[in-house]
Amino acid sequence: MATMTECELKAGVIFGDGNTAEYVYMPASELGADKPLCVYEQGEDREDVDLREAMAIIRRRSLRHAVHPRLGSNSC
């Protein structure tokens, strides 16, 4: 069963921390995909991660709903 955080991520909610410039989100093009990729941004670095790794980063870094500098609060 999916967690609330996973469902929100799949709905386009951006998780992050503006103080550390870390963000995790699922791009709109991946919404509804069977095996979606998410984006993990840390400063100027961007990395594609699978959903399981995205969830681990969100938990490990205690990321919350955030406003991304370019995308706003939702990746859709």
PDB file of N, CA and C in Angstrom:
ATOM      1  N   MET A   1       0.834  -1.169   0.000  1.00  0.00           N
ATOM      2  CA  MET A   1       0.000   0.000   0.000  1.00  0.00           C
ATOM      3  C   MET A   1       0.887   1.242   0.000  1.00  0.00           C
ATOM      4  N   ALA A   2       0.538   2.206  -0.819  1.00  0.00           N
ATOM      5  CA  ALA A   2       1.318   3.435  -0.940  1.00  0.00           C
ATOM      6  C   ALA A   2       1.109   4.331   0.285  1.00  0.00           C
ATOM      7  N   THR A   3       2.156   5.028   0.673  1.00  0.00           N
ATOM      8  CA  THR A   3       2.061   5.973   1.781  1.00  0.00           C
ATOM      9  C   THR A   3       1.493   7.291   1.264  1.00  0.00           C
ATOM     10  N   MET A   4       1.100   8.149   2.174  1.00  0.00           N
ATOM     11  CA  MET A   4       0.586   9.470   1.812  1.00  0.00           C
ATOM     12  C   MET A   4       1.655  10.261   1.059  1.00  0.00           C
ATOM     13  N   THR A   5       2.889  10.181   1.499  1.00  0.00           N
ATOM     14  CA  THR A   5       3.981  10.892   0.834  1.00  0.00           C
ATOM     15  C   THR A   5       4.154  10.403  -0.597  1.00  0.00           C
ATOM     16  N   GLU A   6       4.094   9.094  -0.805  1.00  0.00           N
ATOM     17  CA  GLU A   6       4.230   8.544  -2.157  1.00  0.00           C
ATOM     18  C   GLU A   6       3.087   9.010  -3.045  1.00  0.00           C
ATOM     19  N   CYS A   7       1.879   9.013  -2.520  1.00  0.00           N
ATOM     20  CA  CYS A   7       0.722   9.476  -3.298  1.00  0.00           C
ATOM     21  C   CYS A   7       0.862  10.947  -3.664  1.00  0.00           C
ATOM     22  N   GLU A   8       1.346  11.750  -2.729  1.00  0.00           N
ATOM     23  CA  GLU A   8       1.539  13.177  -3.010  1.00  0.00           C
ATOM     24  C   GLU A   8       2.630  13.378  -4.055  1.00  0.00           C
ATOM     25  N   LEU A   9       3.706  12.625  -3.953  1.00  0.00           N
ATOM     26  CA  LEU A   9       4.781  12.705  -4.933  1.00  0.00           C
ATOM     27  C   LEU A   9       4.258  12.358  -6.328  1.00  0.00           C
ATOM     28  N   LYS A  10       3.441  11.303  -6.404  1.00  0.00           N
ATOM     29  CA  LYS A  10       2.860  10.892  -7.683  1.00  0.00           C
ATOM     30  C   LYS A  10       1.845  11.895  -8.216  1.00  0.00           C
ATOM     31  N   ALA A  11       1.344  12.775  -7.356  1.00  0.00           N
ATOM     32  CA  ALA A  11       0.390  13.803  -7.768  1.00  0.00           C
ATOM     33  C   ALA A  11       1.092  15.109  -8.143  1.00  0.00           C
ATOM     34  N   GLY A  12       2.424  15.126  -8.046  1.00  0.00           N
ATOM     35  CA  GLY A  12       3.180  16.296  -8.469  1.00  0.00           C
ATOM     36  C   GLY A  12       3.643  17.218  -7.366  1.00  0.00           C
ATOM     37  N   VAL A  13       3.380  16.862  -6.104  1.00  0.00           N
ATOM     38  CA  VAL A  13       3.825  17.697  -4.983  1.00  0.00           C
ATOM     39  C   VAL A  13       5.353  17.681  -4.927  1.00  0.00           C
ATOM     40  N   ILE A  14       5.926  18.830  -4.681  1.00  0.00           N
ATOM     41  CA  ILE A  14       7.382  18.956  -4.577  1.00  0.00           C
ATOM     42  C   ILE A  14       7.769  18.926  -3.101  1.00  0.00           C
ATOM     43  N   PHE A  15       8.738  18.073  -2.768  1.00  0.00           N
ATOM     44  CA  PHE A  15       9.266  17.989  -1.415  1.00  0.00           C
ATOM     45  C   PHE A  15      10.643  18.628  -1.419  1.00  0.00           C
ATOM     46  N   GLY A  16      10.975  19.340  -0.356  1.00  0.00           N
ATOM     47  CA  GLY A  16      12.286  19.955  -0.341  1.00  0.00           C
ATOM     48  C   GLY A  16      12.575  20.720   0.924  1.00  0.00           C
ATOM     49  N   ASP A  17      13.698  21.415   0.859  1.00  0.00           N
ATOM     50  CA  ASP A  17      14.168  22.274   1.933  1.00  0.00           C
ATOM     51  C   ASP A  17      14.870  23.454   1.279  1.00  0.00           C
ATOM     52  N   GLY A  18      14.248  24.618   1.365  1.00  0.00           N
ATOM     53  CA  GLY A  18      14.816  25.821   0.748  1.00  0.00           C
ATOM     54  C   GLY A  18      16.135  26.246   1.359  1.00  0.00           C
ATOM     55  N   ASN A  19      16.349  25.931   2.634  1.00  0.00           N
ATOM     56  CA  ASN A  19      17.603  26.312   3.301  1.00  0.00           C
ATOM     57  C   ASN A  19      18.797  25.558   2.739  1.00  0.00           C
ATOM     58  N   THR A  20      18.600  24.303   2.362  1.00  0.00           N
ATOM     59  CA  THR A  20      19.692  23.493   1.828  1.00  0.00           C
ATOM     60  C   THR A  20      19.608  23.351   0.309  1.00  0.00           C
ATOM     61  N   ALA A  21      18.589  23.943  -0.300  1.00  0.00           N
ATOM     62  CA  ALA A  21      18.368  23.879  -1.755  1.00  0.00           C
ATOM     63  C   ALA A  21      18.284  22.440  -2.254  1.00  0.00           C
ATOM     64  N   GLU A  22      17.567  21.611  -1.501  1.00  0.00           N
ATOM     65  CA  GLU A  22      17.341  20.221  -1.892  1.00  0.00           C
ATOM     66  C   GLU A  22      15.867  20.046  -2.242  1.00  0.00           C
ATOM     67  N   TYR A  23      15.606  19.388  -3.371  1.00  0.00           N
ATOM     68  CA  TYR A  23      14.233  19.176  -3.810  1.00  0.00           C
ATOM     69  C   TYR A  23      14.101  17.794  -4.440  1.00  0.00           C
ATOM     70  N   VAL A  24      12.965  17.156  -4.202  1.00  0.00           N
ATOM     71  CA  VAL A  24      12.624  15.886  -4.835  1.00  0.00           C
ATOM     72  C   VAL A  24      11.227  16.040  -5.413  1.00  0.00           C
ATOM     73  N   TYR A  25      11.079  15.690  -6.682  1.00  0.00           N
ATOM     74  CA  TYR A  25       9.764  15.779  -7.310  1.00  0.00           C
ATOM     75  C   TYR A  25       9.687  14.822  -8.488  1.00  0.00           C
ATOM     76  N   MET A  26       8.455  14.558  -8.908  1.00  0.00           N
ATOM     77  CA  MET A  26       8.214  13.735 -10.078  1.00  0.00           C
ATOM     78  C   MET A  26       7.803  14.683 -11.209  1.00  0.00           C
ATOM     79  N   PRO A  27       8.584  14.737 -12.284  1.00  0.00           N
ATOM     80  CA  PRO A  27       8.225  15.620 -13.394  1.00  0.00           C
ATOM     81  C   PRO A  27       6.857  15.249 -13.974  1.00  0.00           C
ATOM     82  N   ALA A  28       6.165  16.222 -14.506  1.00  0.00           N
ATOM     83  CA  ALA A  28       4.833  15.999 -15.068  1.00  0.00           C
ATOM     84  C   ALA A  28       4.847  14.903 -16.131  1.00  0.00           C
ATOM     85  N   SER A  29       5.930  14.787 -16.871  1.00  0.00           N
ATOM     86  CA  SER A  29       6.009  13.773 -17.927  1.00  0.00           C
ATOM     87  C   SER A  29       6.047  12.353 -17.375  1.00  0.00           C
ATOM     88  N   GLU A  30       6.367  12.193 -16.091  1.00  0.00           N
ATOM     89  CA  GLU A  30       6.457  10.866 -15.465  1.00  0.00           C
ATOM     90  C   GLU A  30       5.185  10.474 -14.724  1.00  0.00           C
ATOM     91  N   LEU A  31       4.290  11.419 -14.513  1.00  0.00           N
ATOM     92  CA  LEU A  31       3.059  11.123 -13.779  1.00  0.00           C
ATOM     93  C   LEU A  31       2.264  10.063 -14.522  1.00  0.00           C
ATOM     94  N   GLY A  32       1.863   9.023 -13.815  1.00  0.00           N
ATOM     95  CA  GLY A  32       1.089   7.944 -14.403  1.00  0.00           C
ATOM     96  C   GLY A  32       1.919   6.865 -15.075  1.00  0.00           C
ATOM     97  N   ALA A  33       3.234   7.001 -15.125  1.00  0.00           N
ATOM     98  CA  ALA A  33       4.104   5.991 -15.739  1.00  0.00           C
ATOM     99  C   ALA A  33       4.174   4.750 -14.842  1.00  0.00           C
ATOM    100  N   ASP A  34       4.405   3.599 -15.458  1.00  0.00           N
ATOM    101  CA  ASP A  34       4.514   2.357 -14.690  1.00  0.00           C
ATOM    102  C   ASP A  34       5.708   2.365 -13.740  1.00  0.00           C
ATOM    103  N   LYS A  35       6.848   2.821 -14.229  1.00  0.00           N
ATOM    104  CA  LYS A  35       8.063   2.906 -13.417  1.00  0.00           C
ATOM    105  C   LYS A  35       8.601   4.336 -13.524  1.00  0.00           C
ATOM    106  N   PRO A  36       7.978   5.264 -12.805  1.00  0.00           N
ATOM    107  CA  PRO A  36       8.350   6.670 -12.956  1.00  0.00           C
ATOM    108  C   PRO A  36       9.723   6.994 -12.362  1.00  0.00           C
ATOM    109  N   LEU A  37      10.369   7.972 -12.958  1.00  0.00           N
ATOM    110  CA  LEU A  37      11.607   8.516 -12.424  1.00  0.00           C
ATOM    111  C   LEU A  37      11.296   9.834 -11.742  1.00  0.00           C
ATOM    112  N   CYS A  38      12.017  10.116 -10.700  1.00  0.00           N
ATOM    113  CA  CYS A  38      11.888  11.380  -9.991  1.00  0.00           C
ATOM    114  C   CYS A  38      13.187  12.151 -10.159  1.00  0.00           C
ATOM    115  N   VAL A  39      13.161  13.397  -9.788  1.00  0.00           N
ATOM    116  CA  VAL A  39      14.350  14.240  -9.860  1.00  0.00           C
ATOM    117  C   VAL A  39      14.753  14.616  -8.442  1.00  0.00           C
ATOM    118  N   TYR A  40      16.038  14.475  -8.151  1.00  0.00           N
ATOM    119  CA  TYR A  40      16.606  14.928  -6.892  1.00  0.00           C
ATOM    120  C   TYR A  40      17.568  16.053  -7.226  1.00  0.00           C
ATOM    121  N   GLU A  41      17.273  17.234  -6.719  1.00  0.00           N
ATOM    122  CA  GLU A  41      18.135  18.398  -6.941  1.00  0.00           C
ATOM    123  C   GLU A  41      18.789  18.779  -5.621  1.00  0.00           C
ATOM    124  N   GLN A  42      20.072  19.042  -5.710  1.00  0.00           N
ATOM    125  CA  GLN A  42      20.822  19.521  -4.559  1.00  0.00           C
ATOM    126  C   GLN A  42      21.715  20.637  -5.065  1.00  0.00           C
ATOM    127  N   GLY A  43      21.317  21.875  -4.785  1.00  0.00           N
ATOM    128  CA  GLY A  43      22.027  23.019  -5.327  1.00  0.00           C
ATOM    129  C   GLY A  43      21.893  23.041  -6.835  1.00  0.00           C
ATOM    130  N   GLU A  44      23.003  23.048  -7.538  1.00  0.00           N
ATOM    131  CA  GLU A  44      22.998  23.058  -9.004  1.00  0.00           C
ATOM    132  C   GLU A  44      22.976  21.654  -9.604  1.00  0.00           C
ATOM    133  N   ASP A  45      23.153  20.633  -8.778  1.00  0.00           N
ATOM    134  CA  ASP A  45      23.203  19.245  -9.262  1.00  0.00           C
ATOM    135  C   ASP A  45      21.804  18.657  -9.376  1.00  0.00           C
ATOM    136  N   ARG A  46      21.569  17.912 -10.458  1.00  0.00           N
ATOM    137  CA  ARG A  46      20.292  17.210 -10.668  1.00  0.00           C
ATOM    138  C   ARG A  46      20.590  15.754 -10.973  1.00  0.00           C
ATOM    139  N   GLU A  47      19.761  14.880 -10.418  1.00  0.00           N
ATOM    140  CA  GLU A  47      19.967  13.446 -10.611  1.00  0.00           C
ATOM    141  C   GLU A  47      18.605  12.762 -10.738  1.00  0.00           C
ATOM    142  N   ASP A  48      18.481  11.846 -11.699  1.00  0.00           N
ATOM    143  CA  ASP A  48      17.278  11.035 -11.819  1.00  0.00           C
ATOM    144  C   ASP A  48      17.371   9.882 -10.831  1.00  0.00           C
ATOM    145  N   VAL A  49      16.294   9.658 -10.089  1.00  0.00           N
ATOM    146  CA  VAL A  49      16.239   8.551  -9.135  1.00  0.00           C
ATOM    147  C   VAL A  49      14.905   7.838  -9.307  1.00  0.00           C
ATOM    148  N   ASP A  50      14.877   6.559  -8.973  1.00  0.00           N
ATOM    149  CA  ASP A  50      13.603   5.848  -9.064  1.00  0.00           C
ATOM    150  C   ASP A  50      12.743   6.219  -7.857  1.00  0.00           C
ATOM    151  N   LEU A  51      11.492   5.804  -7.897  1.00  0.00           N
ATOM    152  CA  LEU A  51      10.541   6.182  -6.861  1.00  0.00           C
ATOM    153  C   LEU A  51      10.983   5.719  -5.476  1.00  0.00           C
ATOM    154  N   ARG A  52      11.516   4.515  -5.386  1.00  0.00           N
ATOM    155  CA  ARG A  52      11.963   3.997  -4.095  1.00  0.00           C
ATOM    156  C   ARG A  52      13.086   4.856  -3.505  1.00  0.00           C
ATOM    157  N   GLU A  53      14.044   5.235  -4.334  1.00  0.00           N
ATOM    158  CA  GLU A  53      15.145   6.083  -3.862  1.00  0.00           C
ATOM    159  C   GLU A  53      14.637   7.476  -3.498  1.00  0.00           C
ATOM    160  N   ALA A  54      13.693   8.005  -4.265  1.00  0.00           N
ATOM    161  CA  ALA A  54      13.107   9.322  -3.955  1.00  0.00           C
ATOM    162  C   ALA A  54      12.452   9.297  -2.577  1.00  0.00           C
ATOM    163  N   MET A  55      11.711   8.229  -2.297  1.00  0.00           N
ATOM    164  CA  MET A  55      11.063   8.102  -0.991  1.00  0.00           C
ATOM    165  C   MET A  55      12.099   8.008   0.125  1.00  0.00           C
ATOM    166  N   ALA A  56      13.187   7.292  -0.115  1.00  0.00           N
ATOM    167  CA  ALA A  56      14.245   7.171   0.888  1.00  0.00           C
ATOM    168  C   ALA A  56      14.898   8.525   1.160  1.00  0.00           C
ATOM    169  N   ILE A  57      15.124   9.313   0.114  1.00  0.00           N
ATOM    170  CA  ILE A  57      15.728  10.643   0.280  1.00  0.00           C
ATOM    171  C   ILE A  57      14.793  11.541   1.084  1.00  0.00           C
ATOM    172  N   ILE A  58      13.511  11.516   0.753  1.00  0.00           N
ATOM    173  CA  ILE A  58      12.534  12.344   1.467  1.00  0.00           C
ATOM    174  C   ILE A  58      12.523  11.992   2.952  1.00  0.00           C
ATOM    175  N   ARG A  59      12.529  10.711   3.271  1.00  0.00           N
ATOM    176  CA  ARG A  59      12.532  10.285   4.678  1.00  0.00           C
ATOM    177  C   ARG A  59      13.854  10.610   5.370  1.00  0.00           C
ATOM    178  N   ARG A  60      14.956  10.282   4.710  1.00  0.00           N
ATOM    179  CA  ARG A  60      16.283  10.464   5.310  1.00  0.00           C
ATOM    180  C   ARG A  60      16.586  11.941   5.567  1.00  0.00           C
ATOM    181  N   ARG A  61      16.191  12.810   4.636  1.00  0.00           N
ATOM    182  CA  ARG A  61      16.487  14.242   4.748  1.00  0.00           C
ATOM    183  C   ARG A  61      15.355  15.030   5.392  1.00  0.00           C
ATOM    184  N   SER A  62      14.273  14.333   5.775  1.00  0.00           N
ATOM    185  CA  SER A  62      13.093  14.964   6.402  1.00  0.00           C
ATOM    186  C   SER A  62      12.555  16.116   5.549  1.00  0.00           C
ATOM    187  N   LEU A  63      12.413  15.864   4.254  1.00  0.00           N
ATOM    188  CA  LEU A  63      11.912  16.895   3.352  1.00  0.00           C
ATOM    189  C   LEU A  63      10.402  17.022   3.487  1.00  0.00           C
ATOM    190  N   ARG A  64       9.910  18.220   3.345  1.00  0.00           N
ATOM    191  CA  ARG A  64       8.480  18.532   3.473  1.00  0.00           C
ATOM    192  C   ARG A  64       8.001  19.220   2.202  1.00  0.00           C
ATOM    193  N   HIS A  65       6.703  19.486   2.125  1.00  0.00           N
ATOM    194  CA  HIS A  65       6.170  20.236   0.983  1.00  0.00           C
ATOM    195  C   HIS A  65       6.980  21.523   0.857  1.00  0.00           C
ATOM    196  N   ALA A  66       7.358  21.863  -0.366  1.00  0.00           N
ATOM    197  CA  ALA A  66       8.210  23.025  -0.558  1.00  0.00           C
ATOM    198  C   ALA A  66       7.829  23.754  -1.838  1.00  0.00           C
ATOM    199  N   VAL A  67       8.297  24.990  -1.924  1.00  0.00           N
ATOM    200  CA  VAL A  67       8.138  25.777  -3.140  1.00  0.00           C
ATOM    201  C   VAL A  67       9.482  25.793  -3.860  1.00  0.00           C
ATOM    202  N   HIS A  68       9.500  25.212  -5.047  1.00  0.00           N
ATOM    203  CA  HIS A  68      10.711  25.150  -5.859  1.00  0.00           C
ATOM    204  C   HIS A  68      10.935  26.525  -6.502  1.00  0.00           C
ATOM    205  N   PRO A  69      12.187  26.977  -6.621  1.00  0.00           N
ATOM    206  CA  PRO A  69      12.448  28.309  -7.181  1.00  0.00           C
ATOM    207  C   PRO A  69      11.931  28.509  -8.613  1.00  0.00           C
ATOM    208  N   ARG A  70      11.909  27.452  -9.428  1.00  0.00           N
ATOM    209  CA  ARG A  70      11.425  27.564 -10.808  1.00  0.00           C
ATOM    210  C   ARG A  70      10.023  26.998 -10.996  1.00  0.00           C
ATOM    211  N   LEU A  71       9.719  25.911 -10.319  1.00  0.00           N
ATOM    212  CA  LEU A  71       8.479  25.178 -10.578  1.00  0.00           C
ATOM    213  C   LEU A  71       7.321  25.576  -9.677  1.00  0.00           C
ATOM    214  N   GLY A  72       7.591  26.209  -8.581  1.00  0.00           N
ATOM    215  CA  GLY A  72       6.534  26.528  -7.627  1.00  0.00           C
ATOM    216  C   GLY A  72       6.296  25.369  -6.685  1.00  0.00           C
ATOM    217  N   SER A  73       5.034  25.160  -6.308  1.00  0.00           N
ATOM    218  CA  SER A  73       4.740  24.122  -5.316  1.00  0.00           C
ATOM    219  C   SER A  73       4.313  22.799  -5.931  1.00  0.00           C
ATOM    220  N   ASN A  74       4.157  22.763  -7.270  1.00  0.00           N
ATOM    221  CA  ASN A  74       3.689  21.549  -7.935  1.00  0.00           C
ATOM    222  C   ASN A  74       4.411  21.394  -9.275  1.00  0.00           C
ATOM    223  N   SER A  75       4.803  20.186  -9.601  1.00  0.00           N
ATOM    224  CA  SER A  75       5.557  19.955 -10.835  1.00  0.00           C
ATOM    225  C   SER A  75       4.673  19.839 -12.074  1.00  0.00           C
ATOM    226  N   CYS A  76       3.367  19.871 -11.888  1.00  0.00           N
ATOM    227  CA  CYS A  76       2.445  19.745 -13.032  1.00  0.00           C
ATOM    228  C   CYS A  76       2.230  21.056 -13.753  1.00  0.00           C
TER     229      CYS A  76
END
